[in-house]
Amino acid sequence: MDIISLFTGAGGLDFGFEKAGFNTIWANEYDETIWETFEINFPNTILDKRSIVDVPSIDIPSSIGIIGGPPCQSWSEAGAGRGINDKRGKLFYEYIRVLKDKEPLFFLAENVSGILLPRHKEAFHEIINQFKSLNYNVTYKLLNAYDYSVPQDRKRVIIVGYHKSIGKTFEFPKAENKKLTLKDAIFDMPEPKEALQYNNANDPNSLKLPNHEYMNGGFSTIYMSRNRVRSWDEPSFTIQAGGRHAPIHPKAPKMKFIEQDIRVFIPGKEHLYRRLSVRECARIQTFADSFVFRYKKVADGYKMIGNAVPVNFAFAIARKIKEDLNNLKREKGVLTRELVADDTCVVLK
């Protein structure tokens, strides 16, 4: 089942969908620091490197589905929160434009929990109504990736639309019983290397595992305002897109509270407080070690991983979509409205 990917990033969403049996045939990513990483991990996918604003829909192949997470910074609780008034927020309309022109059987859009804040209510409902106006049954939900085999607290809004020709609405998969912890994800890993001066990347051949290096440098007063350490038997804090704010490795004791917004490292234990490595963050985001990230600056590695959708989270949702499409094929003898190169398909009338 062929799909296309918008605002692709390093490909966490795509990787999860591939595990569920989908095939990303075309992807779009404008950030040049990501291109090499995507191309080595998805060698059979066409990567369009233009801004989506400059990509006419006719250049995009037809497919059974569209997936992607429009940039989330303008909706973030930690950011300025300009939402749809920010040029990055407006990229949601580019997603809608492509969806309207290609009209696949389903779509999935992912974004941060901040998009549900009261100050964004009107804009978010406008986006949902735009999706619905394109002949889709649309549902959305705030989910925690921790409920779907991801060792991390990470809340994200998932929007799924099924074309009305399917005759049903997507139902989100139930939370899984097994919950993963930091011990499950990174306990078996050797010690990483510190990044080179100015946080340049090490020679990859010098690392015990791909990307197993961590950012050096001090910790800001904002960082020290709250505890940044989770224990081995807990899930990680959210993996963010900035290496400066990467969580501390769980071998360190939890930070000591001094007063409101002030914490310190436990005296005498300061040597234990290091940021998680790029590879440790990737494991927490459930990327396989075989998924290699390419960068010159370690910060770019953290950025790619922190912006990605956790692979297992994407897989759980993709598996449910795949199940629904397979049921559609069995029940109605149809699979796509057009074009998938599969001799079992019958075109929907």
Protein backbone atom coordinates (compact mmCIF):
# COMPACT_ATOMS: atom_id res chain seq x y z
CA MET A 1 0.00 0.00 0.00
CA ASP A 2 1.72 3.14 -1.26
CA ILE A 3 1.62 6.38 0.74
CA ILE A 4 3.17 9.84 0.49
CA SER A 5 4.75 11.78 3.33
CA LEU A 6 4.70 15.55 3.98
CA PHE A 7 6.93 17.42 6.46
CA THR A 8 8.78 14.13 6.69
CA GLY A 9 11.75 14.94 8.90
CA ALA A 10 13.98 11.96 9.61
CA GLY A 11 11.13 9.53 8.96
CA GLY A 12 9.86 8.23 12.31
CA LEU A 13 6.28 8.28 11.08
CA ASP A 14 7.29 6.66 7.79
CA PHE A 15 9.34 3.98 9.55
CA GLY A 16 6.36 3.05 11.73
CA PHE A 17 4.06 2.89 8.71
CA GLU A 18 6.56 0.74 6.83
CA LYS A 19 6.64 -1.70 9.77
CA ALA A 20 2.85 -1.95 9.40
CA GLY A 21 3.13 -2.81 5.71
CA PHE A 22 2.89 0.57 3.97
CA ASN A 23 5.42 1.90 1.46
CA THR A 24 6.42 5.57 1.30
CA ILE A 25 6.93 6.26 -2.40
CA TRP A 26 7.40 10.05 -2.17
CA ALA A 27 8.38 12.37 0.67
CA ASN A 28 8.89 16.09 1.09
CA GLU A 29 11.43 17.68 3.45
CA TYR A 30 12.87 21.19 3.16
CA ASP A 31 15.55 21.05 5.90
CA GLU A 32 18.85 20.20 4.22
CA THR A 33 20.39 18.94 7.48
CA ILE A 34 17.95 16.00 7.32
CA TRP A 35 18.29 14.97 3.68
CA GLU A 36 21.22 12.57 4.01
CA THR A 37 19.68 10.81 6.99
CA PHE A 38 16.40 10.24 5.18
CA GLU A 39 18.02 9.11 1.94
CA ILE A 40 20.24 6.47 3.54
CA ASN A 41 17.36 5.02 5.57
CA PHE A 42 14.75 5.20 2.78
CA PRO A 43 16.79 4.54 -0.38
CA ASN A 44 13.73 3.62 -2.45
CA THR A 45 11.72 6.74 -1.63
CA ILE A 46 11.75 9.82 -3.86
CA LEU A 47 12.69 12.80 -1.66
CA ASP A 48 11.45 16.17 -2.88
CA LYS A 49 13.61 18.86 -1.27
CA ARG A 50 11.55 21.94 -2.13
CA SER A 51 9.44 23.87 0.30
CA ILE A 52 5.97 22.35 0.12
CA VAL A 53 4.73 25.85 -0.81
CA ASP A 54 6.64 25.48 -4.08
CA VAL A 55 5.47 21.94 -4.87
CA PRO A 56 2.47 21.83 -7.24
CA SER A 57 0.14 18.95 -6.50
CA ILE A 58 0.63 17.58 -10.00
CA ASP A 59 4.24 16.77 -9.02
CA ILE A 60 3.06 14.54 -6.19
CA PRO A 61 2.15 10.94 -7.04
CA SER A 62 -1.25 9.57 -6.17
CA SER A 63 -1.41 7.08 -3.31
CA ILE A 64 -3.69 5.38 -0.85
CA GLY A 65 -2.78 7.72 2.01
CA ILE A 66 -1.03 10.90 3.10
CA ILE A 67 0.86 11.15 6.40
CA GLY A 68 2.83 13.97 8.00
CA GLY A 69 3.31 16.36 10.87
CA PRO A 70 3.23 20.05 9.88
CA PRO A 71 5.80 22.07 11.90
CA CYS A 72 4.75 22.23 15.52
CA GLN A 73 6.81 25.09 16.95
CA SER A 74 4.08 27.68 16.47
CA TRP A 75 1.63 25.54 18.47
CA SER A 76 4.02 24.50 21.24
CA GLU A 77 3.19 25.18 24.88
CA ALA A 78 6.84 26.11 25.45
CA GLY A 79 7.06 28.46 22.48
CA ALA A 80 5.50 31.78 21.60
CA GLY A 81 2.23 30.05 20.76
CA ARG A 82 1.40 32.09 17.68
CA GLY A 83 -0.38 29.12 16.12
CA ILE A 84 -1.99 29.69 12.74
CA ASN A 85 -0.75 33.30 12.70
CA ASP A 86 2.82 32.04 12.38
CA LYS A 87 4.03 31.17 8.88
CA ARG A 88 4.89 27.68 10.11
CA GLY A 89 1.36 27.29 11.47
CA LYS A 90 -0.02 28.21 8.07
CA LEU A 91 1.72 25.16 6.60
CA PHE A 92 -1.28 23.20 7.82
CA TYR A 93 -3.11 24.75 4.86
CA GLU A 94 -0.50 23.34 2.48
CA TYR A 95 -1.26 19.91 3.89
CA ILE A 96 -4.96 20.56 3.27
CA ARG A 97 -4.23 21.79 -0.27
CA VAL A 98 -2.40 18.57 -1.17
CA LEU A 99 -5.08 16.44 0.47
CA LYS A 100 -7.79 18.19 -1.53
CA ASP A 101 -5.96 17.74 -4.82
CA LYS A 102 -4.86 14.10 -4.32
CA GLU A 103 -7.91 12.80 -2.37
CA PRO A 104 -6.43 9.55 -0.97
CA LEU A 105 -8.41 7.03 1.05
CA PHE A 106 -6.96 8.24 4.35
CA PHE A 107 -4.74 10.85 5.93
CA LEU A 108 -2.93 11.24 9.23
CA ALA A 109 -1.62 14.50 10.70
CA GLU A 110 0.37 14.77 13.94
CA ASN A 111 1.03 17.76 16.15
CA VAL A 112 1.93 18.84 19.68
CA SER A 113 -0.57 18.92 22.54
CA GLY A 114 -0.36 22.72 22.57
CA ILE A 115 -2.57 22.87 19.50
CA LEU A 116 -5.49 22.12 21.84
CA LEU A 117 -4.84 25.10 24.12
CA PRO A 118 -7.77 27.54 24.48
CA ARG A 119 -5.93 30.29 22.61
CA HIS A 120 -5.74 28.03 19.54
CA LYS A 121 -9.31 26.67 19.79
CA GLU A 122 -10.77 28.70 16.94
CA ALA A 123 -7.86 28.02 14.58
CA PHE A 124 -7.78 24.30 15.40
CA HIS A 125 -11.52 23.90 14.79
CA GLU A 126 -11.10 25.72 11.49
CA ILE A 127 -8.43 23.18 10.48
CA ILE A 128 -10.68 20.26 11.47
CA ASN A 129 -13.60 21.76 9.55
CA GLN A 130 -11.38 22.20 6.49
CA PHE A 131 -10.47 18.53 6.65
CA LYS A 132 -14.13 17.56 6.99
CA SER A 133 -15.11 19.73 4.03
CA LEU A 134 -12.91 17.58 1.78
CA ASN A 135 -15.22 14.58 2.04
CA TYR A 136 -13.50 12.91 5.01
CA ASN A 137 -14.79 11.50 8.27
CA VAL A 138 -12.34 13.06 10.73
CA THR A 139 -11.43 12.15 14.27
CA TYR A 140 -8.69 13.42 16.55
CA LYS A 141 -7.38 12.55 19.98
CA LEU A 142 -4.65 13.52 22.44
CA LEU A 143 -2.56 10.41 23.01
CA ASN A 144 0.49 9.59 25.10
CA ALA A 145 3.12 7.59 23.21
CA TYR A 146 3.90 5.87 26.53
CA ASP A 147 0.69 3.88 26.06
CA TYR A 148 2.00 2.41 22.81
CA SER A 149 5.32 0.70 23.60
CA VAL A 150 7.34 3.91 23.83
CA PRO A 151 9.47 4.38 27.01
CA GLN A 152 8.67 8.08 27.20
CA ASP A 153 5.96 10.47 28.33
CA ARG A 154 5.08 12.18 25.07
CA LYS A 155 1.63 13.63 24.43
CA ARG A 156 0.67 14.37 20.85
CA VAL A 157 -2.52 15.13 18.95
CA ILE A 158 -3.26 12.67 16.16
CA ILE A 159 -5.79 13.55 13.46
CA VAL A 160 -7.01 10.77 11.16
CA GLY A 161 -9.42 11.10 8.29
CA TYR A 162 -11.09 8.33 6.28
CA HIS A 163 -12.58 9.17 2.91
CA LYS A 164 -16.36 8.95 3.12
CA SER A 165 -16.32 6.28 0.42
CA ILE A 166 -14.91 3.92 3.08
CA GLY A 167 -18.09 4.33 5.07
CA LYS A 168 -16.52 4.44 8.53
CA THR A 169 -14.60 6.62 10.98
CA PHE A 170 -11.20 5.74 12.37
CA GLU A 171 -11.19 4.44 15.94
CA PHE A 172 -7.98 4.89 17.89
CA PRO A 173 -6.27 1.75 19.18
CA LYS A 174 -6.60 1.12 22.89
CA ALA A 175 -3.65 1.71 25.19
CA GLU A 176 -1.37 -1.31 25.41
CA ASN A 177 -0.96 -3.10 28.73
CA LYS A 178 2.82 -3.35 28.65
CA LYS A 179 4.61 -0.14 29.58
CA LEU A 180 8.31 0.31 28.76
CA THR A 181 10.86 2.07 30.95
CA LEU A 182 14.30 3.58 30.57
CA LYS A 183 15.76 0.26 31.68
CA ASP A 184 14.03 -1.49 28.78
CA ALA A 185 15.37 1.07 26.32
CA ILE A 186 18.96 1.90 27.25
CA PHE A 187 20.20 -0.21 30.20
CA ASP A 188 22.34 -2.45 27.99
CA MET A 189 24.18 0.39 26.24
CA PRO A 190 27.91 1.09 26.73
CA GLU A 191 29.16 4.52 27.79
CA PRO A 192 28.96 7.04 24.95
CA LYS A 193 31.57 9.56 23.87
CA GLU A 194 31.38 13.26 24.53
CA ALA A 195 30.97 15.43 21.45
CA LEU A 196 34.06 17.16 20.10
CA GLN A 197 34.83 20.84 20.68
CA TYR A 198 31.96 23.16 19.68
CA ASN A 199 29.76 20.04 19.75
CA ASN A 200 31.03 18.75 16.45
CA ALA A 201 30.30 15.09 15.77
CA ASN A 202 32.88 12.40 16.44
CA ASP A 203 34.24 10.17 13.70
CA PRO A 204 31.41 7.61 13.35
CA ASN A 205 33.98 4.79 13.31
CA SER A 206 35.13 5.78 16.79
CA LEU A 207 31.71 5.20 18.38
CA LYS A 208 30.64 1.92 19.99
CA LEU A 209 27.14 2.37 18.56
CA PRO A 210 25.96 4.67 15.75
CA ASN A 211 25.38 8.23 17.03
CA HIS A 212 26.27 7.24 20.61
CA GLU A 213 27.65 10.65 21.59
CA TYR A 214 26.32 13.42 23.79
CA MET A 215 26.31 17.20 23.82
CA ASN A 216 28.70 18.93 26.16
CA GLY A 217 28.48 22.38 27.75
CA GLY A 218 26.78 23.90 30.75
CA PHE A 219 23.18 23.79 31.92
CA SER A 220 21.02 26.91 31.81
CA THR A 221 19.05 28.31 34.74
CA ILE A 222 15.89 27.24 32.91
CA TYR A 223 17.23 23.71 32.69
CA MET A 224 18.11 23.74 36.40
CA SER A 225 14.65 25.01 37.35
CA ARG A 226 13.26 21.49 37.70
CA ASN A 227 14.34 17.89 37.99
CA ARG A 228 15.66 16.48 34.72
CA VAL A 229 16.35 12.93 35.89
CA ARG A 230 14.04 9.95 35.62
CA SER A 231 14.89 6.63 37.29
CA TRP A 232 15.54 3.37 35.48
CA ASP A 233 12.06 2.08 36.31
CA GLU A 234 10.30 5.14 34.87
CA PRO A 235 9.65 6.33 31.31
CA SER A 236 11.80 9.15 30.00
CA PHE A 237 10.77 12.76 29.95
CA THR A 238 9.73 13.93 26.48
CA ILE A 239 12.67 13.88 24.09
CA GLN A 240 12.86 17.44 22.78
CA ALA A 241 14.36 18.75 19.56
CA GLY A 242 17.16 20.62 21.33
CA GLY A 243 20.19 18.84 22.72
CA ARG A 244 20.62 21.47 25.43
CA HIS A 245 17.37 20.22 26.95
CA ALA A 246 18.00 16.49 26.62
CA PRO A 247 17.18 14.61 29.84
CA ILE A 248 19.94 13.46 32.18
CA HIS A 249 20.99 9.80 32.13
CA PRO A 250 19.19 7.74 34.82
CA LYS A 251 22.45 6.65 36.47
CA ALA A 252 22.42 10.08 38.16
CA PRO A 253 20.33 10.70 41.30
CA LYS A 254 17.37 12.98 40.96
CA MET A 255 18.20 16.65 41.32
CA LYS A 256 17.92 18.31 44.72
CA PHE A 257 15.17 20.86 45.29
CA ILE A 258 16.42 24.14 46.75
CA GLU A 259 13.48 26.46 46.25
CA GLN A 260 10.86 27.20 43.63
CA ASP A 261 12.47 26.95 40.15
CA ILE A 262 15.91 26.17 41.58
CA ARG A 263 17.43 22.70 41.74
CA VAL A 264 21.01 21.49 41.88
CA PHE A 265 22.97 18.34 41.16
CA ILE A 266 23.65 16.26 44.26
CA PRO A 267 27.02 17.42 45.69
CA GLY A 268 29.76 14.88 45.09
CA LYS A 269 27.77 13.19 42.32
CA GLU A 270 28.19 15.89 39.67
CA HIS A 271 30.17 13.55 37.41
CA LEU A 272 27.09 11.37 36.94
CA TYR A 273 25.03 14.13 35.37
CA ARG A 274 25.37 13.97 31.61
CA ARG A 275 22.81 14.42 28.89
CA LEU A 276 21.42 11.37 27.14
CA SER A 277 23.35 10.60 23.96
CA VAL A 278 21.87 11.01 20.51
CA ARG A 279 21.53 7.22 20.22
CA GLU A 280 19.96 6.92 23.67
CA CYS A 281 17.37 9.49 22.60
CA ALA A 282 16.83 7.52 19.39
CA ARG A 283 16.24 4.33 21.38
CA ILE A 284 13.74 6.14 23.59
CA GLN A 285 12.03 7.27 20.38
CA THR A 286 12.07 3.54 19.43
CA PHE A 287 14.34 3.88 16.40
CA ALA A 288 16.32 0.71 15.71
CA ASP A 289 20.11 0.97 16.06
CA SER A 290 20.30 0.21 12.33
CA PHE A 291 18.57 3.55 11.64
CA VAL A 292 21.60 5.84 11.37
CA PHE A 293 21.48 9.62 11.67
CA ARG A 294 23.93 11.73 9.64
CA TYR A 295 25.06 15.13 10.88
CA LYS A 296 28.13 17.29 11.42
CA LYS A 297 26.82 19.05 14.50
CA VAL A 298 25.52 16.91 17.34
CA ALA A 299 22.68 19.40 17.82
CA ASP A 300 21.28 18.37 14.43
CA GLY A 301 21.09 14.76 15.60
CA TYR A 302 19.05 15.71 18.65
CA LYS A 303 16.83 17.93 16.49
CA MET A 304 15.98 15.19 14.01
CA ILE A 305 15.19 12.69 16.74
CA GLY A 306 13.25 15.07 18.97
CA ASN A 307 11.05 16.23 16.09
CA ALA A 308 10.27 12.67 14.98
CA VAL A 309 7.18 10.64 15.77
CA PRO A 310 8.21 7.63 17.90
CA VAL A 311 8.36 4.61 15.61
CA ASN A 312 6.33 2.27 17.84
CA PHE A 313 3.67 4.95 18.31
CA ALA A 314 3.38 5.42 14.55
CA PHE A 315 3.27 1.64 14.07
CA ALA A 316 0.35 1.20 16.51
CA ILE A 317 -1.77 3.71 14.61
CA ALA A 318 -0.65 2.52 11.17
CA ARG A 319 -1.46 -1.08 12.06
CA LYS A 320 -5.05 -0.09 12.89
CA ILE A 321 -5.39 1.82 9.59
CA LYS A 322 -3.97 -1.18 7.69
CA GLU A 323 -6.45 -3.48 9.42
CA ASP A 324 -9.36 -1.22 8.43
CA LEU A 325 -8.20 -1.08 4.80
CA ASN A 326 -7.77 -4.85 4.65
CA ASN A 327 -11.29 -5.27 6.03
CA LEU A 328 -12.55 -2.87 3.37
CA LYS A 329 -10.96 -5.00 0.67
CA ARG A 330 -12.48 -8.19 2.08
CA GLU A 331 -15.94 -6.74 2.64
CA LYS A 332 -16.37 -4.66 -0.49
CA GLY A 333 -13.78 -6.01 -2.89
CA VAL A 334 -12.20 -2.55 -3.12
CA LEU A 335 -9.03 -0.98 -1.83
CA THR A 336 -8.32 2.32 -3.53
CA ARG A 337 -10.07 4.98 -5.49
CA GLU A 338 -7.43 4.90 -8.18
CA LEU A 339 -4.15 3.53 -8.77
CA VAL A 340 -2.28 1.33 -6.38
CA ALA A 341 -0.17 -1.15 -8.37
CA ASP A 342 -1.79 -4.24 -6.92
CA ASP A 343 -3.78 -6.71 -8.99
CA THR A 344 -6.10 -7.35 -6.04
CA CYS A 345 -7.41 -3.79 -6.22
CA VAL A 346 -10.70 -2.78 -7.74
CA VAL A 347 -11.36 0.86 -8.54
CA LEU A 348 -14.09 2.48 -6.48
CA LYS A 349 -16.95 3.76 -8.59
